[in-house]
Amino acid sequence: MDTIKNIPKIFLSFLAASFLMWFLINLSKEYKTEIVFDVEYENLPQEKVFREAPTNQIKLLIKGNGFKLFSTNIFSKKVTLSLDKYKRNKWKYYLLTDDQKTELQNQLKSGLELLEVVDDTIHLNLGTYRTKSVPVKFTNAIRFKPGYGLSDVIVKPDSVLISGPEEEINAVSSVATKSVELEDVSEDVKITVDLNLPEEYANIKLSNSNVAAEIFTDKYTEGTFELPINIINIPSDVDLKVYPKKVTVTYKVGLKNYSKITEESFEIVCDYQSSVEKGLAYLVPKFKKKSNLVSSVRITPQKIDFLIQK
């Protein structure tokens, strides 16, 4: 009985040994196969930059024995292509991979022969590399305690270098900070804030990822001035009389800057031609000049009556 029970075990052992022998014999034979390799790029010319990342894989037709091909397939596969051999056709850039066949062969394991680069052309979306300096713009959503407001903000550095494709660089005139959100502020604040580039400028690099910002807070007070109106765009044959001839400008300003605000800090104009074109029977007073030290500025009244004398 024991002998009969051992027959399946003997058979299975023989079967396994036969399969192993067959497997090893076949692995020792030579084969041709296509293998996909990951690609890294080097030697990008200094004056060039990628607008879009090129393909990160390449397919090679390789000959070698089964052992070599099997190990190549199961382990990490990576080759490097040099970008200093790119070619150009009008506005298109590309690599002919066959030009680097020798370099690719040298990167394969010993015993493997590169027969063909299946992906014979790699298209490159390249742009001209440019660097320029742009100002930093501070953005915020700060809420102050009642009676307090923003006096000034000092950002260091106040400008940064941006580098990337020329078309994208030309489209950027400034770099904004991420919005600073603070609540119940009544004292000066020092913070570090990250810079924020829109997603469409992902190819642009910044010399700084953040800036230091010093936020100066001041207690606010209200001020008023009674100012004359300047009427503009009146035809030479029109004799215009307006009422009232002066308006009241009301504003808020920090105590530190209160003495800096004078009547010369504002200039009010009414555009006669604009009212005519809009069919209005009155003039609208607007600021031609306004100090950047003030906030919550308003003009009273907001409509100026006029009379045309014959």
Protein backbone atom coordinates (compact mmCIF):
# COMPACT_ATOMS: atom_id res chain seq x y z
CA MET A 1 0.00 0.00 0.00
CA ASP A 2 2.80 2.46 0.89
CA THR A 3 4.47 1.78 -2.48
CA ILE A 4 1.23 2.57 -4.34
CA LYS A 5 0.81 5.83 -2.38
CA ASN A 6 4.34 6.92 -3.32
CA ILE A 7 3.69 6.56 -7.07
CA PRO A 8 1.93 9.99 -7.45
CA LYS A 9 4.77 11.70 -5.56
CA ILE A 10 7.39 10.07 -7.78
CA PHE A 11 5.39 11.02 -10.88
CA LEU A 12 4.99 14.64 -9.78
CA SER A 13 8.70 14.91 -8.99
CA PHE A 14 9.55 13.50 -12.42
CA LEU A 15 7.08 15.89 -14.07
CA ALA A 16 8.55 18.89 -12.23
CA ALA A 17 12.09 17.89 -13.14
CA SER A 18 11.09 17.44 -16.78
CA PHE A 19 9.43 20.83 -16.87
CA LEU A 20 12.46 22.47 -15.29
CA MET A 21 14.75 20.80 -17.82
CA TRP A 22 12.51 21.93 -20.69
CA PHE A 23 12.37 25.45 -19.27
CA LEU A 24 16.15 25.73 -18.91
CA ILE A 25 16.75 24.35 -22.40
CA ASN A 26 14.37 26.89 -23.90
CA LEU A 27 15.88 29.75 -21.92
CA SER A 28 19.29 28.90 -23.34
CA LYS A 29 18.01 29.45 -26.89
CA GLU A 30 18.17 32.81 -28.67
CA TYR A 31 15.03 34.90 -29.23
CA LYS A 32 13.97 38.20 -30.69
CA THR A 33 11.48 40.26 -28.71
CA GLU A 34 10.24 43.82 -28.27
CA ILE A 35 10.84 45.31 -24.83
CA VAL A 36 9.61 48.68 -23.55
CA PHE A 37 12.22 50.74 -21.68
CA ASP A 38 11.76 53.83 -19.54
CA VAL A 39 13.55 56.86 -21.01
CA GLU A 40 15.53 59.61 -19.34
CA TYR A 41 16.83 62.62 -21.27
CA GLU A 42 20.12 64.47 -20.85
CA ASN A 43 22.09 67.32 -22.44
CA LEU A 44 19.16 69.66 -23.08
CA PRO A 45 20.76 72.83 -24.56
CA GLN A 46 20.81 75.73 -22.10
CA GLU A 47 18.78 77.98 -24.39
CA LYS A 48 15.98 75.40 -24.73
CA VAL A 49 13.23 74.20 -22.39
CA PHE A 50 10.41 71.66 -22.63
CA ARG A 51 6.96 73.11 -23.24
CA GLU A 52 5.59 69.61 -22.66
CA ALA A 53 7.30 66.53 -21.26
CA PRO A 54 8.38 64.14 -24.06
CA THR A 55 7.48 60.46 -24.08
CA ASN A 56 8.95 58.58 -21.14
CA GLN A 57 9.06 55.16 -22.84
CA ILE A 58 10.70 53.65 -25.92
CA LYS A 59 10.29 50.24 -27.56
CA LEU A 60 13.39 48.26 -28.63
CA LEU A 61 13.67 45.05 -30.67
CA ILE A 62 16.33 42.96 -28.92
CA LYS A 63 17.98 39.59 -29.58
CA GLY A 64 19.47 37.45 -26.86
CA ASN A 65 19.14 34.17 -25.01
CA GLY A 66 16.09 33.54 -22.88
CA PHE A 67 17.98 34.02 -19.61
CA LYS A 68 19.08 37.55 -20.54
CA LEU A 69 15.72 38.54 -22.00
CA PHE A 70 13.83 37.12 -19.04
CA SER A 71 15.93 39.03 -16.48
CA THR A 72 15.68 42.23 -18.56
CA ASN A 73 11.91 41.95 -18.59
CA ILE A 74 11.41 41.41 -14.87
CA PHE A 75 13.83 44.05 -13.60
CA SER A 76 13.77 47.84 -13.99
CA LYS A 77 14.52 48.86 -17.58
CA LYS A 78 15.88 52.32 -18.32
CA VAL A 79 17.87 53.96 -21.11
CA THR A 80 19.13 57.51 -21.63
CA LEU A 81 18.83 59.61 -24.79
CA SER A 82 20.93 62.69 -25.49
CA LEU A 83 19.05 65.82 -26.55
CA ASP A 84 22.09 67.49 -28.09
CA LYS A 85 21.32 65.49 -31.24
CA TYR A 86 17.84 66.92 -31.79
CA LYS A 87 16.82 68.01 -35.27
CA ARG A 88 14.52 70.79 -36.41
CA ASN A 89 12.03 71.07 -39.26
CA LYS A 90 10.63 74.61 -39.33
CA TRP A 91 8.98 74.89 -35.88
CA LYS A 92 9.12 71.16 -35.05
CA TYR A 93 11.86 69.49 -33.04
CA TYR A 94 12.53 65.76 -32.98
CA LEU A 95 15.04 63.02 -32.20
CA LEU A 96 15.92 60.24 -34.65
CA THR A 97 16.56 57.40 -32.24
CA ASP A 98 18.51 55.47 -34.86
CA ASP A 99 21.19 58.17 -34.55
CA GLN A 100 21.78 56.95 -31.01
CA LYS A 101 21.64 53.22 -31.71
CA THR A 102 25.26 52.73 -30.65
CA GLU A 103 24.67 54.58 -27.38
CA LEU A 104 21.53 52.51 -26.73
CA GLN A 105 23.39 49.26 -27.46
CA ASN A 106 26.05 50.21 -24.90
CA GLN A 107 23.35 50.61 -22.26
CA LEU A 108 22.00 47.07 -22.71
CA LYS A 109 23.19 44.09 -20.70
CA SER A 110 26.10 42.11 -22.04
CA GLY A 111 24.86 39.41 -24.40
CA LEU A 112 21.90 41.41 -25.72
CA GLU A 113 21.91 42.80 -29.26
CA LEU A 114 19.84 45.80 -30.31
CA LEU A 115 18.31 44.97 -33.68
CA GLU A 116 16.01 47.92 -34.11
CA VAL A 117 14.61 50.95 -32.33
CA VAL A 118 10.89 50.43 -32.97
CA ASP A 119 10.06 54.02 -31.99
CA ASP A 120 12.28 55.63 -34.60
CA THR A 121 11.21 59.25 -33.97
CA ILE A 122 10.57 61.11 -30.73
CA HIS A 123 8.79 64.44 -31.15
CA LEU A 124 9.94 67.25 -28.86
CA ASN A 125 7.92 70.30 -27.87
CA LEU A 126 10.76 72.73 -27.19
CA GLY A 127 10.72 76.45 -26.55
CA THR A 128 13.33 79.16 -26.09
CA TYR A 129 14.47 79.50 -22.48
CA ARG A 130 14.16 82.99 -20.98
CA THR A 131 14.60 84.63 -17.58
CA LYS A 132 13.23 87.96 -16.36
CA SER A 133 12.42 89.80 -13.12
CA VAL A 134 8.78 90.53 -12.20
CA PRO A 135 7.25 92.29 -9.16
CA VAL A 136 5.54 90.39 -6.36
CA LYS A 137 1.92 91.36 -5.69
CA PHE A 138 0.57 90.86 -2.18
CA THR A 139 -2.99 89.50 -2.08
CA ASN A 140 -5.02 89.25 1.09
CA ALA A 141 -8.40 88.74 2.67
CA ILE A 142 -7.52 90.26 6.04
CA ARG A 143 -10.32 91.18 8.43
CA PHE A 144 -9.46 93.90 10.93
CA LYS A 145 -10.99 94.73 14.26
CA PRO A 146 -13.49 97.62 14.09
CA GLY A 147 -11.66 100.92 13.74
CA TYR A 148 -8.48 99.31 12.35
CA GLY A 149 -7.23 98.84 8.82
CA LEU A 150 -4.26 98.19 6.59
CA SER A 151 -1.60 100.89 6.67
CA ASP A 152 1.09 99.34 4.46
CA VAL A 153 2.62 96.05 3.36
CA ILE A 154 6.33 95.51 2.76
CA VAL A 155 7.24 92.38 0.81
CA LYS A 156 10.82 91.07 0.72
CA PRO A 157 11.98 90.39 -1.89
CA ASP A 158 9.61 92.65 -3.80
CA SER A 159 10.50 90.96 -7.10
CA VAL A 160 11.50 87.46 -8.23
CA LEU A 161 13.18 85.89 -11.23
CA ILE A 162 11.02 83.67 -13.42
CA SER A 163 12.50 81.23 -15.95
CA GLY A 164 10.88 79.07 -18.60
CA PRO A 165 9.51 78.98 -22.17
CA GLU A 166 9.69 82.42 -23.75
CA GLU A 167 5.97 82.54 -24.66
CA GLU A 168 4.92 81.83 -21.07
CA ILE A 169 7.48 84.24 -19.61
CA ASN A 170 6.23 87.03 -21.90
CA ALA A 171 2.68 86.49 -20.62
CA VAL A 172 3.63 86.99 -16.95
CA SER A 173 3.91 90.59 -15.70
CA SER A 174 3.83 89.84 -11.96
CA VAL A 175 3.63 86.98 -9.46
CA ALA A 176 0.98 87.06 -6.76
CA THR A 177 1.23 85.65 -3.27
CA LYS A 178 -1.30 83.16 -2.03
CA SER A 179 -4.13 85.05 -0.37
CA VAL A 180 -3.33 85.85 3.26
CA GLU A 181 -6.37 85.28 5.46
CA LEU A 182 -6.28 86.72 8.99
CA GLU A 183 -9.08 87.59 11.42
CA ASP A 184 -9.51 90.39 14.02
CA VAL A 185 -6.18 92.04 13.25
CA SER A 186 -5.26 95.16 15.24
CA GLU A 187 -1.44 94.88 15.40
CA ASP A 188 1.43 94.63 12.92
CA VAL A 189 2.04 91.10 11.61
CA LYS A 190 5.12 89.40 10.11
CA ILE A 191 4.53 86.26 8.05
CA THR A 192 6.04 84.10 5.32
CA VAL A 193 3.69 83.57 2.40
CA ASP A 194 4.00 81.24 -0.60
CA LEU A 195 3.99 82.55 -4.15
CA ASN A 196 1.19 81.39 -6.41
CA LEU A 197 1.57 80.77 -10.15
CA PRO A 198 -1.52 79.69 -12.14
CA GLU A 199 -1.53 76.07 -13.34
CA GLU A 200 -1.17 77.12 -16.99
CA TYR A 201 2.38 78.28 -16.15
CA ALA A 202 3.54 74.91 -14.83
CA ASN A 203 6.72 75.10 -16.94
CA ILE A 204 7.88 78.31 -15.24
CA LYS A 205 10.38 78.14 -12.39
CA LEU A 206 10.62 80.76 -9.64
CA SER A 207 13.81 81.96 -7.97
CA ASN A 208 11.85 82.03 -4.68
CA SER A 209 8.97 79.83 -3.57
CA ASN A 210 7.92 82.28 -0.86
CA VAL A 211 8.44 85.83 0.41
CA ALA A 212 8.44 87.59 3.77
CA ALA A 213 5.58 90.04 4.30
CA GLU A 214 5.33 92.69 7.02
CA ILE A 215 1.75 93.88 7.43
CA PHE A 216 1.40 97.26 9.13
CA THR A 217 -1.87 97.96 10.91
CA ASP A 218 -3.21 101.36 11.91
CA LYS A 219 -6.20 102.76 13.75
CA TYR A 220 -8.46 104.41 11.20
CA THR A 221 -10.29 107.70 11.34
CA GLU A 222 -12.61 109.47 8.93
CA GLY A 223 -11.86 112.67 7.05
CA THR A 224 -13.77 114.95 4.66
CA PHE A 225 -13.00 117.65 2.12
CA GLU A 226 -15.23 119.90 0.06
CA LEU A 227 -13.71 119.96 -3.42
CA PRO A 228 -14.48 121.78 -6.68
CA ILE A 229 -15.61 119.88 -9.78
CA ASN A 230 -13.72 120.06 -13.06
CA ILE A 231 -15.97 119.56 -16.12
CA ILE A 232 -14.22 117.91 -19.08
CA ASN A 233 -15.11 117.25 -22.74
CA ILE A 234 -17.39 120.28 -23.18
CA PRO A 235 -17.84 121.45 -26.80
CA SER A 236 -16.62 125.00 -27.38
CA ASP A 237 -20.13 126.17 -28.34
CA VAL A 238 -21.74 124.89 -25.12
CA ASP A 239 -22.07 127.18 -22.09
CA LEU A 240 -22.62 124.85 -19.13
CA LYS A 241 -23.73 125.76 -15.63
CA VAL A 242 -23.63 123.09 -12.89
CA TYR A 243 -25.10 122.74 -9.43
CA PRO A 244 -23.60 122.14 -6.98
CA LYS A 245 -20.17 123.37 -8.00
CA LYS A 246 -18.49 121.44 -5.19
CA VAL A 247 -18.82 117.92 -3.78
CA THR A 248 -17.92 116.38 -0.43
CA VAL A 249 -15.28 113.64 -0.41
CA THR A 250 -15.39 111.34 2.62
CA TYR A 251 -12.62 108.85 3.27
CA LYS A 252 -10.95 106.67 5.89
CA VAL A 253 -7.25 106.89 6.63
CA GLY A 254 -4.86 105.54 9.23
CA LEU A 255 -3.80 107.91 11.98
CA LYS A 256 -0.16 107.58 10.87
CA ASN A 257 -1.05 109.01 7.46
CA TYR A 258 -3.82 111.42 8.45
CA SER A 259 -1.65 114.53 8.11
CA LYS A 260 -0.45 113.42 4.66
CA ILE A 261 -3.94 113.71 3.15
CA THR A 262 -4.79 117.17 1.78
CA GLU A 263 -7.19 118.60 -0.77
CA GLU A 264 -4.48 118.06 -3.37
CA SER A 265 -4.72 114.32 -2.68
CA PHE A 266 -7.92 114.24 -4.76
CA GLU A 267 -9.20 115.57 -8.07
CA ILE A 268 -12.85 115.29 -9.15
CA VAL A 269 -14.03 115.47 -12.76
CA CYS A 270 -17.36 115.18 -14.59
CA ASP A 271 -17.30 114.00 -18.21
CA TYR A 272 -19.98 115.96 -20.10
CA GLN A 273 -19.61 113.95 -23.33
CA SER A 274 -19.99 110.66 -21.44
CA SER A 275 -23.32 111.81 -19.95
CA VAL A 276 -24.57 112.89 -23.41
CA GLU A 277 -23.63 109.55 -24.98
CA LYS A 278 -25.43 107.66 -22.21
CA GLY A 279 -28.50 109.90 -22.46
CA LEU A 280 -28.17 111.15 -18.88
CA ALA A 281 -29.72 114.44 -17.73
CA TYR A 282 -27.01 114.87 -15.10
CA LEU A 283 -23.24 114.61 -14.67
CA VAL A 284 -21.47 111.87 -12.71
CA PRO A 285 -18.53 112.97 -10.51
CA LYS A 286 -15.55 110.62 -10.57
CA PHE A 287 -12.01 110.58 -9.23
CA LYS A 288 -9.27 111.56 -11.63
CA LYS A 289 -6.76 111.43 -8.79
CA LYS A 290 -7.00 109.70 -5.42
CA SER A 291 -4.36 108.99 -2.77
CA ASN A 292 -3.54 105.32 -2.30
CA LEU A 293 -3.33 105.96 1.46
CA VAL A 294 -7.12 106.24 1.81
CA SER A 295 -9.94 103.70 1.68
CA SER A 296 -13.74 103.61 1.75
CA VAL A 297 -13.81 106.78 -0.35
CA ARG A 298 -17.15 108.22 -1.47
CA ILE A 299 -18.43 111.33 -3.23
CA THR A 300 -21.58 113.22 -2.20
CA PRO A 301 -23.75 113.94 -4.12
CA GLN A 302 -23.32 111.35 -6.86
CA LYS A 303 -25.34 113.33 -9.41
CA ILE A 304 -24.60 116.89 -10.57
CA ASP A 305 -27.36 118.88 -12.26
CA PHE A 306 -26.44 121.01 -15.26
CA LEU A 307 -28.04 123.68 -17.39
CA ILE A 308 -27.04 124.64 -20.91
CA GLN A 309 -27.30 128.37 -21.50
CA LYS A 310 -28.09 129.61 -25.00
